[in-house]
């Protein structure tokens, strides 16, 4: 591998890592904002909740979101809307895998789909916008 290809591969890996972290941050902020909206305001504890949500969202996005992104890119289906749909399905799959889609989670399913779509759009914005144009 020559120097230019190696540098491009490193830059791509950094972009994927940054996209994964940004998507986890979007999940954390979305969940905290939803909870504070239901409560009627932000509290001091919300910062800790956001950090905890980020901690748990990061491996989930790495395990679900990153492979979905790479599959979409390999199939050349990497568009903002396809990423949003994949993110919504990923958000729904988290509810199903974690809770078995019990009755109380069924009403939260649209919220998780929106959170997943927002995270996927943040991921696409960071890692995928230019990947489509360069191919």
N, C-alpha and C. Protein backbone atom coordinates (compact mmCIF):
# COMPACT_ATOMS: atom_id res chain seq x y z
N UNK A 1 0.85 -1.18 0.00
CA UNK A 1 0.00 0.00 0.00
C UNK A 1 0.89 1.23 0.00
N UNK A 2 0.67 2.11 -0.92
CA UNK A 2 1.51 3.30 -0.96
C UNK A 2 1.03 4.33 0.06
N UNK A 3 1.81 5.39 0.21
CA UNK A 3 1.53 6.39 1.24
C UNK A 3 0.20 7.09 1.09
N UNK A 4 -0.20 7.38 -0.16
CA UNK A 4 -1.47 8.07 -0.38
C UNK A 4 -2.67 7.23 -0.02
N UNK A 5 -2.61 5.95 -0.38
CA UNK A 5 -3.73 5.06 -0.06
C UNK A 5 -3.81 4.80 1.44
N UNK A 6 -2.64 4.68 2.06
CA UNK A 6 -2.61 4.45 3.50
C UNK A 6 -3.17 5.66 4.25
N UNK A 7 -2.81 6.84 3.82
CA UNK A 7 -3.33 8.06 4.45
C UNK A 7 -4.83 8.18 4.24
N UNK A 8 -5.31 7.81 3.06
CA UNK A 8 -6.74 7.86 2.80
C UNK A 8 -7.49 6.84 3.66
N UNK A 9 -6.91 5.67 3.85
CA UNK A 9 -7.53 4.65 4.70
C UNK A 9 -7.59 5.12 6.14
N UNK A 10 -6.51 5.75 6.62
CA UNK A 10 -6.52 6.28 7.99
C UNK A 10 -7.55 7.39 8.15
N UNK A 11 -7.65 8.26 7.15
CA UNK A 11 -8.63 9.35 7.21
C UNK A 11 -10.05 8.78 7.21
N UNK A 12 -10.29 7.75 6.42
CA UNK A 12 -11.61 7.12 6.40
C UNK A 12 -11.95 6.47 7.73
N UNK A 13 -10.97 5.82 8.35
CA UNK A 13 -11.20 5.20 9.66
C UNK A 13 -11.49 6.27 10.72
N UNK A 14 -10.75 7.39 10.65
CA UNK A 14 -11.01 8.48 11.60
C UNK A 14 -12.41 9.06 11.39
N UNK A 15 -12.82 9.17 10.13
CA UNK A 15 -14.15 9.70 9.85
C UNK A 15 -15.24 8.76 10.37
N UNK A 16 -15.04 7.45 10.23
CA UNK A 16 -16.01 6.49 10.76
C UNK A 16 -16.05 6.52 12.29
N UNK A 17 -14.89 6.66 12.92
CA UNK A 17 -14.87 6.75 14.39
C UNK A 17 -15.56 8.02 14.86
N UNK A 18 -15.30 9.14 14.19
CA UNK A 18 -15.95 10.40 14.56
C UNK A 18 -17.46 10.30 14.34
N UNK A 19 -17.88 9.67 13.26
CA UNK A 19 -19.30 9.51 12.98
C UNK A 19 -19.98 8.65 14.03
N UNK A 20 -19.31 7.60 14.47
CA UNK A 20 -19.86 6.73 15.52
C UNK A 20 -20.04 7.51 16.82
N UNK A 21 -19.05 8.30 17.18
CA UNK A 21 -19.15 9.07 18.42
C UNK A 21 -20.21 10.17 18.32
N UNK A 22 -20.30 10.82 17.16
CA UNK A 22 -21.33 11.85 16.99
C UNK A 22 -22.72 11.25 17.05
N UNK A 23 -22.91 10.10 16.44
CA UNK A 23 -24.22 9.44 16.49
C UNK A 23 -24.58 9.05 17.92
N UNK A 24 -23.62 8.57 18.69
CA UNK A 24 -23.89 8.24 20.10
C UNK A 24 -24.23 9.50 20.89
N UNK A 25 -23.57 10.61 20.58
CA UNK A 25 -23.89 11.87 21.26
C UNK A 25 -25.30 12.34 20.89
N UNK A 26 -25.69 12.17 19.64
CA UNK A 26 -27.05 12.54 19.23
C UNK A 26 -28.08 11.72 19.98
N UNK A 27 -27.83 10.43 20.14
CA UNK A 27 -28.74 9.57 20.91
C UNK A 27 -28.83 10.07 22.34
N UNK A 28 -27.69 10.34 22.96
CA UNK A 28 -27.68 10.78 24.36
C UNK A 28 -28.43 12.10 24.53
N UNK A 29 -28.15 13.06 23.67
CA UNK A 29 -28.81 14.36 23.78
C UNK A 29 -30.30 14.24 23.49
N UNK A 30 -30.67 13.43 22.51
CA UNK A 30 -32.09 13.24 22.19
C UNK A 30 -32.85 12.66 23.37
N UNK A 31 -32.27 11.66 24.01
CA UNK A 31 -32.96 11.04 25.15
C UNK A 31 -33.07 11.99 26.33
N UNK A 32 -32.03 12.76 26.59
CA UNK A 32 -32.08 13.73 27.69
C UNK A 32 -33.09 14.83 27.39
N UNK A 33 -33.11 15.32 26.16
CA UNK A 33 -34.08 16.36 25.80
C UNK A 33 -35.51 15.84 25.90
N UNK A 34 -35.73 14.60 25.50
CA UNK A 34 -37.08 14.04 25.62
C UNK A 34 -37.50 13.93 27.08
N UNK A 35 -36.60 13.46 27.92
CA UNK A 35 -36.92 13.32 29.35
C UNK A 35 -37.15 14.69 29.99
N UNK A 36 -36.33 15.66 29.64
CA UNK A 36 -36.50 16.99 30.24
C UNK A 36 -37.78 17.66 29.72
N UNK A 37 -38.15 17.38 28.48
CA UNK A 37 -39.39 17.92 27.94
C UNK A 37 -40.59 17.33 28.69
N UNK A 38 -40.55 16.02 28.99
CA UNK A 38 -41.63 15.39 29.73
C UNK A 38 -41.69 15.90 31.17
N UNK A 39 -40.52 16.20 31.73
CA UNK A 39 -40.43 16.69 33.11
C UNK A 39 -40.76 18.17 33.21
N UNK A 40 -40.54 18.89 32.14
CA UNK A 40 -40.81 20.32 32.16
C UNK A 40 -39.58 21.18 32.32
N UNK A 41 -38.38 20.62 32.29
CA UNK A 41 -37.17 21.41 32.38
C UNK A 41 -35.95 20.55 32.60
N UNK A 42 -34.79 21.14 32.36
CA UNK A 42 -33.53 20.44 32.57
C UNK A 42 -33.17 20.43 34.04
N UNK A 43 -32.45 19.41 34.45
CA UNK A 43 -31.94 19.34 35.82
C UNK A 43 -30.44 19.11 35.77
N UNK A 44 -29.81 19.23 36.90
CA UNK A 44 -28.37 19.04 36.99
C UNK A 44 -28.00 17.59 36.67
N UNK A 45 -28.87 16.67 36.99
CA UNK A 45 -28.60 15.25 36.76
C UNK A 45 -28.60 14.88 35.27
N UNK A 46 -29.14 15.73 34.43
CA UNK A 46 -29.23 15.40 33.02
C UNK A 46 -27.86 15.25 32.37
N UNK A 47 -26.86 15.96 32.85
CA UNK A 47 -25.51 15.80 32.30
C UNK A 47 -25.00 14.37 32.54
N UNK A 48 -25.19 13.86 33.74
CA UNK A 48 -24.78 12.49 34.05
C UNK A 48 -25.57 11.46 33.26
N UNK A 49 -26.85 11.72 33.08
CA UNK A 49 -27.68 10.81 32.29
C UNK A 49 -27.21 10.81 30.83
N UNK A 50 -26.85 11.97 30.32
CA UNK A 50 -26.36 12.05 28.94
C UNK A 50 -25.05 11.27 28.80
N UNK A 51 -24.16 11.39 29.76
CA UNK A 51 -22.90 10.64 29.71
C UNK A 51 -23.16 9.13 29.77
N UNK A 52 -24.09 8.72 30.62
CA UNK A 52 -24.44 7.31 30.72
C UNK A 52 -25.08 6.81 29.42
N UNK A 53 -25.97 7.61 28.85
CA UNK A 53 -26.60 7.23 27.59
C UNK A 53 -25.55 7.13 26.48
N UNK A 54 -24.60 8.06 26.45
CA UNK A 54 -23.52 8.00 25.47
C UNK A 54 -22.71 6.72 25.63
N UNK A 55 -22.40 6.38 26.87
CA UNK A 55 -21.62 5.18 27.19
C UNK A 55 -22.31 3.92 26.66
N UNK A 56 -23.63 3.85 26.79
CA UNK A 56 -24.36 2.67 26.33
C UNK A 56 -24.68 2.73 24.83
N UNK A 57 -24.85 3.94 24.29
CA UNK A 57 -25.19 4.06 22.87
C UNK A 57 -23.99 3.78 21.97
N UNK A 58 -22.79 4.08 22.43
CA UNK A 58 -21.61 3.92 21.58
C UNK A 58 -21.41 2.49 21.09
N UNK A 59 -21.43 1.47 21.96
CA UNK A 59 -21.26 0.11 21.43
C UNK A 59 -22.45 -0.37 20.60
N UNK A 60 -23.65 0.12 20.91
CA UNK A 60 -24.82 -0.27 20.12
C UNK A 60 -24.71 0.29 18.71
N UNK A 61 -24.28 1.54 18.60
CA UNK A 61 -24.11 2.14 17.27
C UNK A 61 -22.97 1.46 16.52
N UNK A 62 -21.91 1.11 17.24
CA UNK A 62 -20.80 0.40 16.59
C UNK A 62 -21.23 -0.98 16.13
N UNK A 63 -22.15 -1.62 16.85
CA UNK A 63 -22.57 -2.98 16.50
C UNK A 63 -23.71 -3.01 15.48
N UNK A 64 -24.57 -1.99 15.47
CA UNK A 64 -25.72 -1.98 14.56
C UNK A 64 -25.54 -0.95 13.46
N UNK A 65 -25.24 0.28 13.84
CA UNK A 65 -25.20 1.37 12.87
C UNK A 65 -24.02 1.30 11.91
N UNK A 66 -22.85 1.02 12.42
CA UNK A 66 -21.66 0.98 11.56
C UNK A 66 -21.77 -0.12 10.49
N UNK A 67 -22.17 -1.35 10.84
CA UNK A 67 -22.34 -2.35 9.78
C UNK A 67 -23.42 -1.98 8.76
N UNK A 68 -24.52 -1.38 9.23
CA UNK A 68 -25.55 -0.95 8.29
C UNK A 68 -25.01 0.10 7.33
N UNK A 69 -24.23 1.04 7.84
CA UNK A 69 -23.63 2.07 7.01
C UNK A 69 -22.69 1.45 5.97
N UNK A 70 -21.86 0.52 6.41
CA UNK A 70 -20.92 -0.11 5.49
C UNK A 70 -21.63 -0.95 4.42
N UNK A 71 -22.72 -1.60 4.80
CA UNK A 71 -23.51 -2.36 3.83
C UNK A 71 -24.13 -1.42 2.80
N UNK A 72 -24.72 -0.32 3.27
CA UNK A 72 -25.31 0.65 2.35
C UNK A 72 -24.25 1.22 1.41
N UNK A 73 -23.06 1.48 1.94
CA UNK A 73 -21.99 2.02 1.11
C UNK A 73 -21.53 0.99 0.08
N UNK A 74 -21.42 -0.27 0.48
CA UNK A 74 -20.99 -1.32 -0.45
C UNK A 74 -22.03 -1.54 -1.56
N UNK A 75 -23.30 -1.40 -1.23
CA UNK A 75 -24.36 -1.56 -2.23
C UNK A 75 -24.58 -0.29 -3.05
N UNK A 76 -23.84 0.76 -2.71
CA UNK A 76 -23.99 2.08 -3.35
C UNK A 76 -25.39 2.65 -3.16
N UNK A 77 -25.97 2.40 -1.99
CA UNK A 77 -27.27 2.95 -1.61
C UNK A 77 -27.10 4.03 -0.56
N UNK A 78 -25.94 4.60 -0.46
CA UNK A 78 -25.62 5.55 0.61
C UNK A 78 -26.18 6.93 0.26
N UNK A 79 -27.40 7.17 0.69
CA UNK A 79 -28.07 8.45 0.55
C UNK A 79 -28.61 8.84 1.92
N UNK A 80 -28.95 10.11 2.09
CA UNK A 80 -29.42 10.55 3.41
C UNK A 80 -30.69 9.83 3.80
N UNK A 81 -31.59 9.60 2.86
CA UNK A 81 -32.86 8.97 3.18
C UNK A 81 -32.71 7.48 3.47
N UNK A 82 -31.77 6.81 2.79
CA UNK A 82 -31.56 5.39 3.08
C UNK A 82 -30.91 5.23 4.45
N UNK A 83 -30.04 6.17 4.82
CA UNK A 83 -29.45 6.13 6.16
C UNK A 83 -30.50 6.41 7.23
N UNK A 84 -31.41 7.34 6.95
CA UNK A 84 -32.47 7.65 7.92
C UNK A 84 -33.39 6.44 8.12
N UNK A 85 -33.72 5.76 7.04
CA UNK A 85 -34.57 4.57 7.16
C UNK A 85 -33.84 3.47 7.92
N UNK A 86 -32.56 3.25 7.60
CA UNK A 86 -31.77 2.24 8.32
C UNK A 86 -31.65 2.60 9.80
N UNK A 87 -31.49 3.90 10.10
CA UNK A 87 -31.41 4.34 11.50
C UNK A 87 -32.72 4.12 12.23
N UNK A 88 -33.84 4.38 11.57
CA UNK A 88 -35.14 4.15 12.20
C UNK A 88 -35.34 2.66 12.48
N UNK A 89 -34.93 1.82 11.54
CA UNK A 89 -35.02 0.37 11.77
C UNK A 89 -34.06 -0.06 12.88
N UNK A 90 -32.88 0.57 12.93
CA UNK A 90 -31.94 0.27 14.02
C UNK A 90 -32.49 0.69 15.37
N UNK A 91 -33.13 1.86 15.43
CA UNK A 91 -33.76 2.30 16.68
C UNK A 91 -34.87 1.37 17.12
N UNK A 92 -35.66 0.91 16.16
CA UNK A 92 -36.72 -0.04 16.48
C UNK A 92 -36.14 -1.38 16.95
N UNK A 93 -35.05 -1.80 16.32
CA UNK A 93 -34.45 -3.08 16.72
C UNK A 93 -33.90 -3.03 18.13
N UNK A 94 -33.43 -1.87 18.57
CA UNK A 94 -32.95 -1.75 19.94
C UNK A 94 -34.09 -2.00 20.92
N UNK A 95 -35.26 -1.44 20.64
CA UNK A 95 -36.41 -1.66 21.52
C UNK A 95 -36.79 -3.13 21.54
N UNK A 96 -36.82 -3.75 20.38
CA UNK A 96 -37.21 -5.15 20.30
C UNK A 96 -36.18 -6.04 20.99
N UNK A 97 -34.90 -5.79 20.78
CA UNK A 97 -33.87 -6.63 21.39
C UNK A 97 -33.78 -6.45 22.90
N UNK A 98 -33.93 -5.23 23.36
CA UNK A 98 -33.77 -4.98 24.79
C UNK A 98 -34.99 -5.40 25.59
N UNK A 99 -36.18 -5.12 25.06
CA UNK A 99 -37.37 -5.32 25.88
C UNK A 99 -38.31 -6.38 25.36
N UNK A 100 -38.08 -6.89 24.18
CA UNK A 100 -39.04 -7.81 23.60
C UNK A 100 -40.30 -7.11 23.14
N UNK A 101 -40.22 -5.79 22.99
CA UNK A 101 -41.35 -4.95 22.54
C UNK A 101 -42.59 -5.17 23.41
N UNK A 102 -42.40 -4.98 24.71
CA UNK A 102 -43.53 -5.06 25.63
C UNK A 102 -44.51 -3.93 25.37
N UNK A 103 -45.61 -3.96 26.08
CA UNK A 103 -46.68 -2.98 25.84
C UNK A 103 -46.22 -1.55 26.10
N UNK A 104 -45.42 -1.34 27.13
CA UNK A 104 -45.00 0.04 27.43
C UNK A 104 -43.97 0.55 26.43
N UNK A 105 -43.20 -0.34 25.82
CA UNK A 105 -42.25 0.10 24.81
C UNK A 105 -42.92 0.33 23.46
N UNK A 106 -44.04 -0.29 23.23
CA UNK A 106 -44.71 -0.13 21.93
C UNK A 106 -45.08 1.33 21.69
N UNK A 107 -45.46 2.05 22.73
CA UNK A 107 -45.78 3.46 22.54
C UNK A 107 -44.52 4.30 22.38
N UNK A 108 -43.37 3.79 22.83
CA UNK A 108 -42.10 4.50 22.66
C UNK A 108 -41.40 4.14 21.35
N UNK A 109 -41.93 3.20 20.61
CA UNK A 109 -41.30 2.78 19.36
C UNK A 109 -41.11 3.92 18.37
N UNK A 110 -42.10 4.79 18.16
CA UNK A 110 -41.86 5.92 17.24
C UNK A 110 -40.74 6.85 17.72
N UNK A 111 -40.63 7.03 19.03
CA UNK A 111 -39.56 7.88 19.56
C UNK A 111 -38.20 7.28 19.27
N UNK A 112 -38.07 5.97 19.48
CA UNK A 112 -36.80 5.31 19.21
C UNK A 112 -36.48 5.30 17.72
N UNK A 113 -37.51 5.21 16.89
CA UNK A 113 -37.29 5.29 15.43
C UNK A 113 -36.76 6.67 15.05
N UNK A 114 -37.32 7.72 15.64
CA UNK A 114 -36.85 9.08 15.35
C UNK A 114 -35.43 9.28 15.87
N UNK A 115 -35.16 8.80 17.07
CA UNK A 115 -33.80 8.92 17.62
C UNK A 115 -32.81 8.17 16.74
N UNK A 116 -33.18 6.97 16.29
CA UNK A 116 -32.31 6.21 15.40
C UNK A 116 -32.09 6.91 14.08
N UNK A 117 -33.14 7.50 13.53
CA UNK A 117 -33.01 8.23 12.26
C UNK A 117 -32.12 9.46 12.43
N UNK A 118 -32.28 10.19 13.54
CA UNK A 118 -31.43 11.36 13.79
C UNK A 118 -29.96 10.95 13.94
N UNK A 119 -29.72 9.87 14.67
CA UNK A 119 -28.35 9.39 14.84
C UNK A 119 -27.75 8.96 13.50
N UNK A 120 -28.55 8.29 12.68
CA UNK A 120 -28.07 7.85 11.37
C UNK A 120 -27.78 9.03 10.46
N UNK A 121 -28.61 10.06 10.52
CA UNK A 121 -28.36 11.25 9.71
C UNK A 121 -27.09 11.95 10.16
N UNK A 122 -26.85 12.00 11.47
CA UNK A 122 -25.59 12.58 11.96
C UNK A 122 -24.41 11.73 11.50
N UNK A 123 -24.57 10.42 11.53
CA UNK A 123 -23.52 9.51 11.06
C UNK A 123 -23.24 9.76 9.58
N UNK A 124 -24.31 9.81 8.77
CA UNK A 124 -24.16 10.04 7.34
C UNK A 124 -23.52 11.40 7.07
N UNK A 125 -23.93 12.42 7.80
CA UNK A 125 -23.39 13.76 7.60
C UNK A 125 -21.88 13.79 7.86
N UNK A 126 -21.44 13.02 8.85
CA UNK A 126 -20.02 13.00 9.19
C UNK A 126 -19.22 12.09 8.27
N UNK A 127 -19.72 10.90 7.99
CA UNK A 127 -18.91 9.90 7.29
C UNK A 127 -19.31 9.66 5.85
N UNK A 128 -20.54 9.94 5.49
CA UNK A 128 -21.01 9.46 4.21
C UNK A 128 -21.29 10.47 3.13
N UNK A 129 -21.41 11.74 3.47
CA UNK A 129 -21.76 12.74 2.44
C UNK A 129 -20.80 12.72 1.28
N UNK A 130 -19.53 12.74 1.58
CA UNK A 130 -18.51 12.80 0.53
C UNK A 130 -18.19 11.43 -0.06
N UNK A 131 -18.54 10.37 0.65
CA UNK A 131 -18.28 9.02 0.13
C UNK A 131 -19.12 8.75 -1.10
N UNK A 132 -20.34 9.28 -1.13
CA UNK A 132 -21.21 9.08 -2.29
C UNK A 132 -20.67 9.84 -3.49
N UNK A 133 -20.20 11.06 -3.27
CA UNK A 133 -19.71 11.90 -4.37
C UNK A 133 -18.39 11.41 -4.94
N UNK A 134 -17.57 10.77 -4.11
CA UNK A 134 -16.24 10.37 -4.56
C UNK A 134 -16.23 9.04 -5.30
N UNK A 135 -17.32 8.31 -5.28
CA UNK A 135 -17.36 7.01 -5.95
C UNK A 135 -17.82 7.11 -7.35
